[in-house]
Amino acid sequence: MAAGGAAGDEGKTGMEWRPAVNPWIIAAAVMLPTFMEILDTTIVSVALPHIAGSLSASTDEATWTLTSYLVANAVILPATGWFARYFGRSRFLIYCIVIFTLSSLVCGMAESLGMLIIARVIQGAGGGALQPISQAILLESFPSEKRGMAMAAFGIGVVVAPIIGPTLGGWLTDNYSWRWAFYLNIPVGVLAIFMIRTFVEDPPYIKTAKPGKIDSIGFGLMAVALATMQIVLDKGQQDDWFSASWVCWFVAICAVTMVYFIVWELRTKEPIVNLRVLMDRNFAVGTVLITFLGVCLYSAITLIPIFLQTLMGYSAMQSGLTLSPRGLGAMVTMPVIGYLMGVVDFRKVIGTGFILLAGSLWQFGEINLQISMWNIIWPNVMMGVGLSMIFVPLSAVAMGMLPREEMGNASGIFNLMRNIGGSAGISAVTTILERRAQAHQSDMVSHLAAGSQPFQLHSNELQQALGQYYAPAEALRKADGVIYNELIRQSNLWAFIDNFRILAALSLFCVGGAMLLKRVKPKGPVSLH
């Protein structure tokens, strides 16, 4: 591991420390684990219908492979600071990559949904530290005046995965198996381990920091609160929510443990999650906004492939090609955002990003069953541009004013809330999808009454067309079947539309939230050098 350049800095403060190698090489190294994690998420979202069919599960049950990963991710995220001090940050990052890579192998070998979910939980635990540690290493490796461009470069790495992921996942799923979506992590993980061992070093304050005693009570309370919340979100719809006594008990346990967790963390001397960083106005507002962004982003990532493959008849490959332009739009915009962050008010950039996100989601709310692929591609491009205008500035303005020693803890909270938002969002939209489809079906059935003239006319036309191939009685049954199938398709379509419009309204609400951020005076265009 490259550690030689820090020797002369041991007596200096953490603010004066500089890494031994070029920070851009470190940026490339820490992009890899983040790239691997995001690639895995986008690939899995495209493969959900195939996973469901292969493992004899419903599409709703298959989404547990996403939510179980996110909740395991969320439990580990806040503890990353303590583990980084205990093992050494770069060493802990390598351990996490090893766990993530090996569990990916097990995911690919899973023979049942239960086995896959357990492997995804372990994978989520290993992947929990990848983004916050990578982000903290990146921010500390660059001087403050270059962090905006560093985050933009990191953001390019983050959005390249969504470009490659859906298309690659669709191609692998159609031509081989969804299992290769997990096997693909193995070579990426090996390369990431090599680069981090070679180029990444720990700053002096990490090397000399004493981990202290882990806040086991706080960790346990947080794990119970998050686990019970996720179980309710995943299984609540299946048991009709609060009509089931176990749901009431789990909600009560979640609420009590969460309140106790907050009180405990504010009182203990060495909390596993230092909630006091939320006293910083920008970090507090930024954390709320990233939570809502997680709801909108992960919900859209889940809904769009299901719509394309179940209602439009797209293959996984076609679905991936349709989703990839989102990442392309973000990648093209990222360098521009790095420049704008130095000359334009952060709040305007973030607010504009949420407006574009709302606009793209509203366009998805205008879909029908006759749309072309371009009607999906262009809103995805707009979404990518909007996400790039939110992700980079929001990360920089939320954590950029905190002391370096707090960045690891703050990054853990920041990513934790994004994952909680994503997990809650996925569970919410799948519930809304099922409930609204039932409601729309009930409304539409009233138009299929025997006395309805349009219904009778359409039914007679179908019977005449089918009468060329079937006996009259069989033609009648076939005609009724065609009408019923169309009823199901239309009711499901309207349920998707309802979801997208709700997400668009939530994104628009976040525009006002961006104005609550404390204004940061631009320092001029950010240089690449």
Protein backbone atom coordinates (compact mmCIF):
# COMPACT_ATOMS: atom_id res chain seq x y z
CA MET A 1 0.00 0.00 0.00
CA ALA A 2 1.33 3.48 -0.83
CA ALA A 3 2.05 5.03 2.51
CA GLY A 4 5.39 6.68 2.09
CA GLY A 5 4.33 10.24 1.34
CA ALA A 6 2.52 10.73 4.59
CA ALA A 7 5.54 10.33 6.81
CA GLY A 8 6.34 13.98 6.89
CA ASP A 9 2.77 14.89 7.63
CA GLU A 10 2.36 12.89 10.81
CA GLY A 11 2.74 15.93 12.99
CA LYS A 12 0.46 18.09 10.97
CA THR A 13 -3.25 18.50 11.23
CA GLY A 14 -5.72 16.49 9.18
CA MET A 15 -6.51 19.68 7.20
CA GLU A 16 -2.90 19.93 5.92
CA TRP A 17 -2.48 16.26 5.00
CA ARG A 18 -2.11 15.35 1.34
CA PRO A 19 -1.99 11.84 -0.15
CA ALA A 20 1.26 10.49 -1.59
CA VAL A 21 -0.19 9.85 -5.07
CA ASN A 22 -2.13 12.06 -7.44
CA PRO A 23 -5.68 12.52 -6.07
CA TRP A 24 -7.17 11.70 -9.49
CA ILE A 25 -5.62 8.22 -9.32
CA ILE A 26 -7.26 7.78 -5.90
CA ALA A 27 -10.54 9.00 -7.41
CA ALA A 28 -10.31 6.28 -10.09
CA ALA A 29 -9.59 3.63 -7.43
CA VAL A 30 -12.54 4.53 -5.17
CA MET A 31 -14.92 4.83 -8.14
CA LEU A 32 -14.60 1.09 -8.79
CA PRO A 33 -16.38 -0.23 -5.66
CA THR A 34 -19.13 2.37 -6.05
CA PHE A 35 -19.40 1.50 -9.75
CA MET A 36 -19.71 -2.19 -8.82
CA GLU A 37 -22.47 -1.57 -6.30
CA ILE A 38 -24.55 0.67 -8.57
CA LEU A 39 -24.01 -1.63 -11.55
CA ASP A 40 -25.41 -4.48 -9.46
CA THR A 41 -28.53 -2.50 -8.51
CA THR A 42 -29.37 -1.42 -12.06
CA ILE A 43 -28.76 -4.87 -13.51
CA VAL A 44 -30.98 -6.52 -10.89
CA SER A 45 -33.85 -4.07 -11.51
CA VAL A 46 -33.99 -5.07 -15.19
CA ALA A 47 -33.86 -8.79 -14.31
CA LEU A 48 -36.65 -8.72 -11.68
CA PRO A 49 -39.38 -10.36 -13.84
CA HIS A 50 -36.92 -13.10 -14.86
CA ILE A 51 -35.82 -13.68 -11.26
CA ALA A 52 -39.49 -14.00 -10.27
CA GLY A 53 -40.18 -16.54 -13.01
CA SER A 54 -37.02 -18.55 -12.41
CA LEU A 55 -37.55 -18.86 -8.64
CA SER A 56 -41.36 -19.36 -8.77
CA ALA A 57 -42.13 -16.03 -7.10
CA SER A 58 -44.38 -13.07 -7.91
CA THR A 59 -42.91 -9.81 -9.21
CA ASP A 60 -43.89 -8.21 -5.89
CA GLU A 61 -41.91 -10.86 -3.99
CA ALA A 62 -38.97 -10.46 -6.37
CA THR A 63 -38.66 -6.80 -5.32
CA TRP A 64 -37.58 -8.11 -1.90
CA THR A 65 -34.20 -8.77 -3.51
CA LEU A 66 -33.87 -4.98 -3.82
CA THR A 67 -35.36 -3.96 -0.47
CA SER A 68 -33.51 -6.63 1.58
CA TYR A 69 -30.26 -5.37 0.09
CA LEU A 70 -31.10 -1.75 0.91
CA VAL A 71 -32.05 -2.40 4.53
CA ALA A 72 -28.87 -4.43 5.19
CA ASN A 73 -26.99 -1.60 3.53
CA ALA A 74 -28.73 0.88 5.81
CA VAL A 75 -27.89 -1.01 9.03
CA ILE A 76 -24.15 -1.07 8.23
CA LEU A 77 -23.85 2.47 6.86
CA PRO A 78 -23.77 4.36 10.19
CA ALA A 79 -21.20 1.97 11.70
CA THR A 80 -18.69 2.51 8.91
CA GLY A 81 -16.87 5.25 10.84
CA TRP A 82 -16.16 2.98 13.81
CA PHE A 83 -15.12 0.04 11.62
CA ALA A 84 -12.84 2.36 9.62
CA ARG A 85 -11.08 3.46 12.80
CA TYR A 86 -10.85 -0.11 14.12
CA PHE A 87 -9.50 -1.83 10.98
CA GLY A 88 -8.06 1.17 9.14
CA ARG A 89 -10.20 2.75 6.49
CA SER A 90 -8.55 1.37 3.35
CA ARG A 91 -8.27 -2.11 4.90
CA PHE A 92 -11.94 -2.06 5.92
CA LEU A 93 -12.89 -0.98 2.40
CA ILE A 94 -11.03 -4.01 1.03
CA TYR A 95 -12.80 -6.33 3.51
CA CYS A 96 -16.17 -4.97 2.37
CA ILE A 97 -15.31 -5.50 -1.30
CA VAL A 98 -14.33 -9.11 -0.53
CA ILE A 99 -17.67 -9.73 1.27
CA PHE A 100 -19.61 -8.06 -1.54
CA THR A 101 -17.82 -10.06 -4.24
CA LEU A 102 -18.18 -13.45 -2.52
CA SER A 103 -21.85 -12.88 -1.72
CA SER A 104 -22.41 -11.93 -5.37
CA LEU A 105 -21.15 -15.40 -6.26
CA VAL A 106 -23.68 -16.94 -3.84
CA CYS A 107 -26.49 -14.75 -5.29
CA GLY A 108 -25.72 -16.12 -8.74
CA MET A 109 -25.85 -19.70 -7.43
CA ALA A 110 -29.16 -19.24 -5.50
CA GLU A 111 -31.75 -21.96 -6.14
CA SER A 112 -34.61 -20.37 -4.19
CA LEU A 113 -35.92 -16.90 -3.41
CA GLY A 114 -35.08 -17.39 0.28
CA MET A 115 -31.46 -18.24 -0.50
CA LEU A 116 -31.20 -15.25 -2.83
CA ILE A 117 -32.61 -12.86 -0.21
CA ILE A 118 -30.17 -14.13 2.47
CA ALA A 119 -27.26 -13.71 0.05
CA ARG A 120 -28.53 -10.21 -0.84
CA VAL A 121 -28.63 -9.30 2.86
CA ILE A 122 -24.97 -10.32 3.21
CA GLN A 123 -24.16 -8.49 -0.01
CA GLY A 124 -25.93 -5.39 1.32
CA ALA A 125 -23.93 -5.58 4.55
CA GLY A 126 -20.71 -5.75 2.54
CA GLY A 127 -21.81 -3.01 0.18
CA GLY A 128 -22.99 -0.66 2.93
CA ALA A 129 -19.59 0.91 3.45
CA LEU A 130 -18.52 1.12 -0.19
CA GLN A 131 -20.06 4.46 -1.13
CA PRO A 132 -19.56 6.43 2.12
CA ILE A 133 -15.94 5.33 2.57
CA SER A 134 -15.18 5.96 -1.10
CA GLN A 135 -16.82 9.37 -0.86
CA ALA A 136 -14.95 10.28 2.33
CA ILE A 137 -11.60 9.19 0.84
CA LEU A 138 -12.31 11.23 -2.27
CA LEU A 139 -13.26 14.41 -0.39
CA GLU A 140 -10.24 14.19 1.91
CA SER A 141 -7.81 13.55 -0.94
CA PHE A 142 -8.61 16.87 -2.67
CA PRO A 143 -8.18 20.41 -1.31
CA SER A 144 -11.44 22.22 -0.57
CA GLU A 145 -11.30 24.36 -3.72
CA LYS A 146 -11.21 21.25 -5.94
CA ARG A 147 -13.86 19.15 -4.19
CA GLY A 148 -16.62 20.31 -6.52
CA MET A 149 -14.83 18.99 -9.60
CA ALA A 150 -13.76 15.86 -7.68
CA MET A 151 -17.40 15.12 -6.83
CA ALA A 152 -18.32 15.75 -10.47
CA ALA A 153 -15.69 13.23 -11.59
CA PHE A 154 -16.91 10.77 -8.96
CA GLY A 155 -20.43 11.40 -10.19
CA ILE A 156 -19.39 10.45 -13.74
CA GLY A 157 -18.25 7.10 -12.36
CA VAL A 158 -21.56 6.78 -10.53
CA VAL A 159 -23.63 7.42 -13.65
CA VAL A 160 -21.59 5.29 -16.06
CA ALA A 161 -22.89 2.23 -14.21
CA PRO A 162 -26.55 3.09 -14.96
CA ILE A 163 -25.60 3.48 -18.65
CA ILE A 164 -23.96 0.07 -18.84
CA GLY A 165 -26.05 -1.74 -16.21
CA PRO A 166 -29.54 -1.99 -17.77
CA THR A 167 -28.29 -2.82 -21.27
CA LEU A 168 -25.67 -5.28 -20.08
CA GLY A 169 -28.11 -6.82 -17.61
CA GLY A 170 -30.77 -7.17 -20.30
CA TRP A 171 -28.32 -8.75 -22.74
CA LEU A 172 -27.02 -11.21 -20.12
CA THR A 173 -30.54 -12.08 -18.98
CA ASP A 174 -31.88 -12.66 -22.50
CA ASN A 175 -28.86 -14.54 -23.85
CA TYR A 176 -27.56 -16.34 -20.76
CA SER A 177 -29.20 -15.93 -17.35
CA TRP A 178 -29.98 -13.31 -14.72
CA ARG A 179 -27.34 -15.08 -12.60
CA TRP A 180 -24.59 -13.47 -14.67
CA ALA A 181 -25.76 -10.11 -13.35
CA PHE A 182 -24.16 -11.18 -10.06
CA TYR A 183 -21.20 -13.11 -11.47
CA LEU A 184 -20.12 -9.92 -13.26
CA ASN A 185 -19.14 -8.38 -9.90
CA ILE A 186 -16.28 -10.85 -9.43
CA PRO A 187 -13.74 -9.37 -11.91
CA VAL A 188 -14.71 -5.81 -10.97
CA GLY A 189 -14.20 -6.63 -7.28
CA VAL A 190 -10.76 -8.15 -7.91
CA LEU A 191 -9.63 -5.04 -9.84
CA ALA A 192 -10.97 -2.74 -7.09
CA ILE A 193 -9.03 -4.62 -4.39
CA PHE A 194 -5.80 -4.36 -6.41
CA MET A 195 -6.13 -0.60 -7.00
CA ILE A 196 -7.06 0.25 -3.43
CA ARG A 197 -4.18 -1.82 -1.99
CA THR A 198 -1.80 -0.06 -4.38
CA PHE A 199 -2.86 3.59 -4.28
CA VAL A 200 -5.06 4.38 -1.26
CA GLU A 201 -3.60 5.28 2.12
CA ASP A 202 -5.12 6.35 5.42
CA PRO A 203 -4.61 9.96 6.61
CA PRO A 204 -2.71 10.47 9.88
CA TYR A 205 -5.81 11.05 12.00
CA ILE A 206 -7.21 7.67 10.90
CA LYS A 207 -3.90 5.92 11.62
CA THR A 208 -3.65 7.37 15.11
CA ALA A 209 -7.37 7.36 15.96
CA LYS A 210 -8.54 5.03 18.70
CA PRO A 211 -11.72 3.24 17.71
CA GLY A 212 -13.03 3.21 21.27
CA LYS A 213 -15.78 0.90 22.41
CA ILE A 214 -18.45 0.24 19.81
CA ASP A 215 -21.89 1.57 20.71
CA SER A 216 -23.48 -1.89 20.77
CA ILE A 217 -26.74 -0.64 22.31
CA GLY A 218 -27.15 2.04 19.66
CA PHE A 219 -26.27 -0.41 16.90
CA GLY A 220 -28.77 -2.96 18.23
CA LEU A 221 -31.58 -0.40 18.54
CA MET A 222 -30.94 0.86 15.01
CA ALA A 223 -30.87 -2.67 13.57
CA VAL A 224 -34.17 -3.61 15.26
CA ALA A 225 -35.86 -0.37 14.13
CA LEU A 226 -34.74 -0.70 10.51
CA ALA A 227 -35.42 -4.44 10.30
CA THR A 228 -38.97 -4.19 11.69
CA MET A 229 -39.68 -1.23 9.41
CA GLN A 230 -38.51 -3.13 6.35
CA ILE A 231 -40.47 -6.28 7.23
CA VAL A 232 -43.63 -4.20 7.56
CA LEU A 233 -42.96 -2.44 4.24
CA ASP A 234 -42.30 -5.72 2.43
CA LYS A 235 -45.02 -7.92 3.95
CA GLY A 236 -47.65 -5.38 5.01
CA GLN A 237 -49.49 -5.29 1.70
CA GLN A 238 -49.70 -9.10 1.62
CA ASP A 239 -51.47 -9.15 5.02
CA ASP A 240 -53.60 -6.01 4.47
CA TRP A 241 -51.47 -3.75 6.68
CA PHE A 242 -52.96 -2.77 10.04
CA SER A 243 -55.71 -5.36 9.86
CA ALA A 244 -52.96 -7.84 10.81
CA SER A 245 -51.98 -7.77 14.49
CA TRP A 246 -48.31 -8.53 13.76
CA VAL A 247 -48.08 -5.36 11.64
CA CYS A 248 -49.37 -3.28 14.56
CA TRP A 249 -46.82 -4.87 16.90
CA PHE A 250 -43.94 -4.39 14.48
CA VAL A 251 -44.83 -0.73 13.87
CA ALA A 252 -44.96 -0.16 17.63
CA ILE A 253 -41.58 -1.87 18.11
CA CYS A 254 -40.09 0.16 15.27
CA ALA A 255 -41.39 3.46 16.67
CA VAL A 256 -40.26 2.77 20.25
CA THR A 257 -36.79 1.55 19.30
CA MET A 258 -36.28 4.46 16.90
CA VAL A 259 -37.17 7.04 19.55
CA TYR A 260 -34.98 5.25 22.11
CA PHE A 261 -32.16 5.10 19.53
CA ILE A 262 -32.29 8.87 18.91
CA VAL A 263 -32.31 9.66 22.65
CA TRP A 264 -29.48 7.20 23.32
CA GLU A 265 -27.29 8.51 20.48
CA LEU A 266 -27.67 12.10 21.67
CA ARG A 267 -26.70 11.21 25.25
CA THR A 268 -23.92 8.65 24.87
CA LYS A 269 -20.31 9.86 24.68
CA GLU A 270 -19.29 7.65 21.75
CA PRO A 271 -22.41 7.19 19.57
CA ILE A 272 -22.32 4.85 16.61
CA VAL A 273 -24.15 7.58 14.71
CA ASN A 274 -23.21 11.12 15.66
CA LEU A 275 -26.59 12.78 15.15
CA ARG A 276 -25.19 16.11 16.28
CA VAL A 277 -23.93 16.76 12.74
CA LEU A 278 -27.59 17.33 11.88
CA MET A 279 -27.30 20.62 13.76
CA ASP A 280 -25.55 21.91 10.65
CA ARG A 281 -28.38 23.42 8.62
CA ASN A 282 -27.10 22.43 5.19
CA PHE A 283 -26.44 18.86 6.25
CA ALA A 284 -29.87 18.52 7.88
CA VAL A 285 -31.74 19.90 4.84
CA GLY A 286 -29.50 17.94 2.46
CA THR A 287 -30.24 14.72 4.34
CA VAL A 288 -34.01 15.26 4.00
CA LEU A 289 -33.65 16.01 0.28
CA ILE A 290 -31.48 12.95 -0.39
CA THR A 291 -34.12 10.82 1.37
CA PHE A 292 -36.83 12.06 -0.99
CA LEU A 293 -34.45 11.66 -3.93
CA GLY A 294 -33.96 8.03 -2.87
CA VAL A 295 -37.75 7.53 -2.88
CA CYS A 296 -38.12 8.94 -6.41
CA LEU A 297 -35.02 7.36 -7.93
CA TYR A 298 -35.34 3.80 -6.63
CA SER A 299 -39.10 3.81 -7.24
CA ALA A 300 -38.61 4.83 -10.87
CA ILE A 301 -35.80 2.29 -11.35
CA THR A 302 -38.19 -0.43 -10.11
CA LEU A 303 -41.36 0.66 -11.91
CA ILE A 304 -40.07 1.34 -15.42
CA PRO A 305 -38.62 -2.14 -16.18
CA ILE A 306 -41.73 -3.85 -14.74
CA PHE A 307 -43.99 -1.68 -16.93
CA LEU A 308 -41.93 -2.30 -20.06
CA GLN A 309 -41.65 -6.05 -19.60
CA THR A 310 -45.12 -6.89 -18.23
CA LEU A 311 -47.37 -4.48 -20.16
CA MET A 312 -45.36 -3.53 -23.24
CA GLY A 313 -43.87 -6.96 -23.88
CA TYR A 314 -40.27 -5.71 -24.02
CA SER A 315 -37.45 -8.18 -23.59
CA ALA A 316 -34.92 -7.55 -20.82
CA MET A 317 -32.46 -6.34 -23.48
CA GLN A 318 -34.95 -3.85 -24.94
CA SER A 319 -35.83 -2.67 -21.46
CA GLY A 320 -32.15 -2.11 -20.70
CA LEU A 321 -31.57 -0.16 -23.91
CA THR A 322 -34.51 2.07 -23.04
CA LEU A 323 -33.20 2.80 -19.53
CA SER A 324 -29.53 3.38 -20.38
CA PRO A 325 -29.97 6.92 -21.78
CA ARG A 326 -30.69 8.08 -18.22
CA GLY A 327 -27.04 7.48 -17.38
CA LEU A 328 -25.93 9.02 -20.67
CA GLY A 329 -27.80 12.24 -19.89
CA ALA A 330 -26.18 12.39 -16.47
CA MET A 331 -22.68 11.69 -17.80
CA VAL A 332 -22.89 14.45 -20.41
CA THR A 333 -24.13 16.93 -17.81
CA MET A 334 -21.66 16.12 -14.99
CA PRO A 335 -18.67 18.17 -16.27
CA VAL A 336 -20.96 21.16 -16.78
CA ILE A 337 -22.24 20.80 -13.22
CA GLY A 338 -18.65 20.79 -11.92
CA TYR A 339 -18.19 24.19 -13.59
CA LEU A 340 -21.56 25.61 -12.53
CA MET A 341 -20.91 24.74 -8.89
CA GLY A 342 -18.15 27.35 -8.88
CA VAL A 343 -20.14 30.19 -10.42
CA VAL A 344 -23.86 29.61 -9.70
CA ASP A 345 -25.82 29.43 -6.45
CA PHE A 346 -26.04 25.77 -5.37
CA ARG A 347 -29.73 26.11 -4.59
CA LYS A 348 -30.61 27.13 -8.15
CA VAL A 349 -28.75 24.15 -9.60
CA ILE A 350 -30.38 21.69 -7.16
CA GLY A 351 -33.84 23.24 -7.59
CA THR A 352 -33.55 23.06 -11.38
CA GLY A 353 -32.52 19.42 -11.06
CA PHE A 354 -35.64 18.58 -9.06
CA ILE A 355 -37.80 20.42 -11.61
CA LEU A 356 -36.30 18.32 -14.43
CA LEU A 357 -36.78 15.15 -12.35
CA ALA A 358 -40.43 16.09 -11.74
CA GLY A 359 -40.90 16.81 -15.46
CA SER A 360 -39.48 13.44 -16.49
CA LEU A 361 -41.66 11.58 -13.98
CA TRP A 362 -44.74 13.49 -15.15
CA GLN A 363 -43.97 12.45 -18.74
CA PHE A 364 -43.93 8.84 -17.54
CA GLY A 365 -47.33 9.67 -16.05
CA GLU A 366 -48.60 10.33 -19.61
CA ILE A 367 -47.81 6.85 -20.92
CA ASN A 368 -50.21 4.54 -22.75
CA LEU A 369 -49.97 1.10 -24.34
CA GLN A 370 -49.26 2.49 -27.81
CA ILE A 371 -46.14 4.51 -26.99
CA SER A 372 -42.86 3.96 -28.83
CA MET A 373 -39.44 3.36 -27.29
CA TRP A 374 -38.59 7.05 -27.78
CA ASN A 375 -41.42 8.02 -25.41
CA ILE A 376 -39.46 6.23 -22.69
CA ILE A 377 -35.95 7.23 -23.79
CA TRP A 378 -36.42 11.02 -23.75
CA PRO A 379 -37.87 11.23 -20.20
CA ASN A 380 -34.97 9.00 -19.10
CA VAL A 381 -32.46 11.43 -20.62
CA MET A 382 -34.19 14.31 -18.81
CA MET A 383 -34.12 12.31 -15.59
CA GLY A 384 -30.38 11.71 -15.97
CA VAL A 385 -29.72 15.42 -16.45
CA GLY A 386 -31.86 16.26 -13.41
CA LEU A 387 -30.16 13.65 -11.23
CA SER A 388 -26.72 14.99 -12.10
CA MET A 389 -27.85 18.50 -11.14
CA ILE A 390 -29.01 17.18 -7.76
CA PHE A 391 -26.48 14.49 -6.79
CA VAL A 392 -23.18 16.40 -7.09
CA PRO A 393 -24.19 19.82 -5.69
CA LEU A 394 -26.30 18.31 -2.89
CA SER A 395 -23.46 16.05 -1.73
CA ALA A 396 -20.97 18.91 -1.85
CA VAL A 397 -23.15 21.51 -0.11
CA ALA A 398 -24.43 19.08 2.55
CA MET A 399 -21.00 17.82 3.66
CA GLY A 400 -18.61 20.40 2.26
CA MET A 401 -18.80 22.67 5.33
CA LEU A 402 -18.27 19.92 7.90
CA PRO A 403 -14.85 19.19 9.46
CA ARG A 404 -12.92 16.43 7.72
CA GLU A 405 -13.10 14.25 10.81
CA GLU A 406 -16.91 14.27 10.56
CA MET A 407 -17.12 13.42 6.85
CA GLY A 408 -17.07 9.65 7.34
CA ASN A 409 -19.91 9.80 9.88
CA ALA A 410 -21.85 12.37 7.82
CA SER A 411 -21.44 10.37 4.63
CA GLY A 412 -22.78 7.30 6.43
CA ILE A 413 -25.92 9.16 7.56
CA PHE A 414 -26.35 10.75 4.13
CA ASN A 415 -26.23 7.42 2.29
CA LEU A 416 -28.26 5.70 5.02
CA MET A 417 -31.18 8.07 4.50
CA ARG A 418 -30.99 7.72 0.73
CA ASN A 419 -31.24 3.94 1.11
CA ILE A 420 -34.09 4.16 3.63
CA GLY A 421 -35.91 6.46 1.21
CA GLY A 422 -35.27 4.03 -1.63
CA SER A 423 -36.41 1.01 0.35
CA ALA A 424 -39.57 2.74 1.57
CA GLY A 425 -40.23 4.06 -1.93
CA ILE A 426 -40.00 0.63 -3.57
CA SER A 427 -42.34 -0.90 -1.00
CA ALA A 428 -44.77 2.02 -1.32
CA VAL A 429 -44.99 2.01 -5.11
CA THR A 430 -45.44 -1.77 -5.33
CA THR A 431 -48.28 -1.48 -2.80
CA ILE A 432 -49.84 1.46 -4.65
CA LEU A 433 -49.45 -0.45 -7.90
CA GLU A 434 -51.49 -3.38 -6.62
CA ARG A 435 -54.11 -1.32 -4.75
CA ARG A 436 -54.69 1.19 -7.55
CA ALA A 437 -54.89 -1.58 -10.17
CA GLN A 438 -57.68 -3.17 -8.12
CA ALA A 439 -59.44 0.19 -7.73
CA HIS A 440 -59.23 1.00 -11.44
CA GLN A 441 -60.41 -2.50 -12.32
CA SER A 442 -63.50 -2.03 -10.13
CA ASP A 443 -64.25 1.29 -11.83
CA MET A 444 -63.81 -0.12 -15.33
CA VAL A 445 -65.95 -3.19 -14.71
CA SER A 446 -69.02 -0.94 -14.50
CA HIS A 447 -68.54 -0.14 -18.21
CA LEU A 448 -68.67 -3.84 -19.11
CA ALA A 449 -72.27 -4.43 -18.02
CA ALA A 450 -74.51 -6.46 -20.30
CA GLY A 451 -76.61 -3.37 -21.06
CA SER A 452 -73.63 -1.26 -22.13
CA GLN A 453 -73.93 -0.57 -25.87
CA PRO A 454 -70.16 0.00 -26.51
CA PHE A 455 -69.35 -3.23 -24.65
CA GLN A 456 -71.92 -5.23 -26.61
CA LEU A 457 -70.71 -3.75 -29.90
CA HIS A 458 -67.06 -4.60 -29.16
CA SER A 459 -67.99 -8.08 -27.91
CA ASN A 460 -70.00 -8.81 -31.07
CA GLU A 461 -67.14 -7.65 -33.29
CA LEU A 462 -64.72 -9.96 -31.48
CA GLN A 463 -67.14 -12.90 -31.68
CA GLN A 464 -67.53 -12.39 -35.42
CA ALA A 465 -63.75 -12.23 -35.92
CA LEU A 466 -63.14 -15.31 -33.76
CA GLY A 467 -66.11 -17.15 -35.27
CA GLN A 468 -64.00 -17.87 -38.33
CA TYR A 469 -61.81 -20.18 -36.23
CA TYR A 470 -64.03 -21.39 -33.36
CA ALA A 471 -67.56 -22.61 -32.71
CA PRO A 472 -70.01 -19.88 -31.58
CA ALA A 473 -69.86 -20.85 -27.86
CA GLU A 474 -66.06 -21.02 -27.91
CA ALA A 475 -65.85 -17.72 -29.81
CA LEU A 476 -67.96 -16.08 -27.08
CA ARG A 477 -65.65 -17.37 -24.35
CA LYS A 478 -62.58 -16.25 -26.30
CA ALA A 479 -64.08 -12.78 -26.84
CA ASP A 480 -64.82 -12.43 -23.13
CA GLY A 481 -61.25 -13.51 -22.36
CA VAL A 482 -59.78 -10.91 -24.70
CA ILE A 483 -61.90 -8.16 -23.12
CA TYR A 484 -60.98 -9.27 -19.60
CA ASN A 485 -57.24 -9.32 -20.43
CA GLU A 486 -57.50 -5.83 -21.84
CA LEU A 487 -59.31 -4.73 -18.68
CA ILE A 488 -56.40 -6.02 -16.58
CA ARG A 489 -53.84 -4.30 -18.82
CA GLN A 490 -55.65 -0.96 -18.71
CA SER A 491 -56.19 -1.05 -14.95
CA ASN A 492 -52.50 -1.85 -14.41
CA LEU A 493 -51.54 0.95 -16.80
CA TRP A 494 -53.51 3.47 -14.76
CA ALA A 495 -51.87 2.19 -11.58
CA PHE A 496 -48.43 2.91 -13.11
CA ILE A 497 -49.65 6.37 -14.15
CA ASP A 498 -50.83 7.09 -10.59
CA ASN A 499 -47.42 6.10 -9.21
CA PHE A 500 -45.44 8.27 -11.61
CA ARG A 501 -47.64 11.30 -10.94
CA ILE A 502 -47.23 10.90 -7.18
CA LEU A 503 -43.44 10.74 -7.61
CA ALA A 504 -43.54 13.83 -9.86
CA ALA A 505 -45.42 15.78 -7.17
CA LEU A 506 -42.90 14.66 -4.52
CA SER A 507 -40.00 15.83 -6.71
CA LEU A 508 -41.65 19.19 -7.24
CA PHE A 509 -42.10 19.54 -3.48
CA CYS A 510 -38.32 19.16 -3.09
CA VAL A 511 -37.74 22.34 -5.13
CA GLY A 512 -38.96 24.37 -2.15
CA GLY A 513 -36.78 22.30 0.17
CA ALA A 514 -33.69 23.22 -1.86
CA MET A 515 -34.34 26.89 -1.09
CA LEU A 516 -33.92 26.13 2.63
CA LEU A 517 -30.24 25.35 2.11
CA LYS A 518 -27.88 27.99 3.40
CA ARG A 519 -26.45 29.99 0.53
CA VAL A 520 -22.81 29.26 -0.29
CA LYS A 521 -20.97 31.99 -2.14
CA PRO A 522 -19.48 30.70 -5.43
CA LYS A 523 -15.67 30.76 -5.55
CA GLY A 524 -15.32 30.95 -9.31
CA PRO A 525 -15.02 28.20 -11.91
CA VAL A 526 -13.45 25.01 -10.62
CA SER A 527 -10.21 23.96 -12.31
CA LEU A 528 -9.37 20.44 -13.37
CA HIS A 529 -5.75 20.98 -12.35
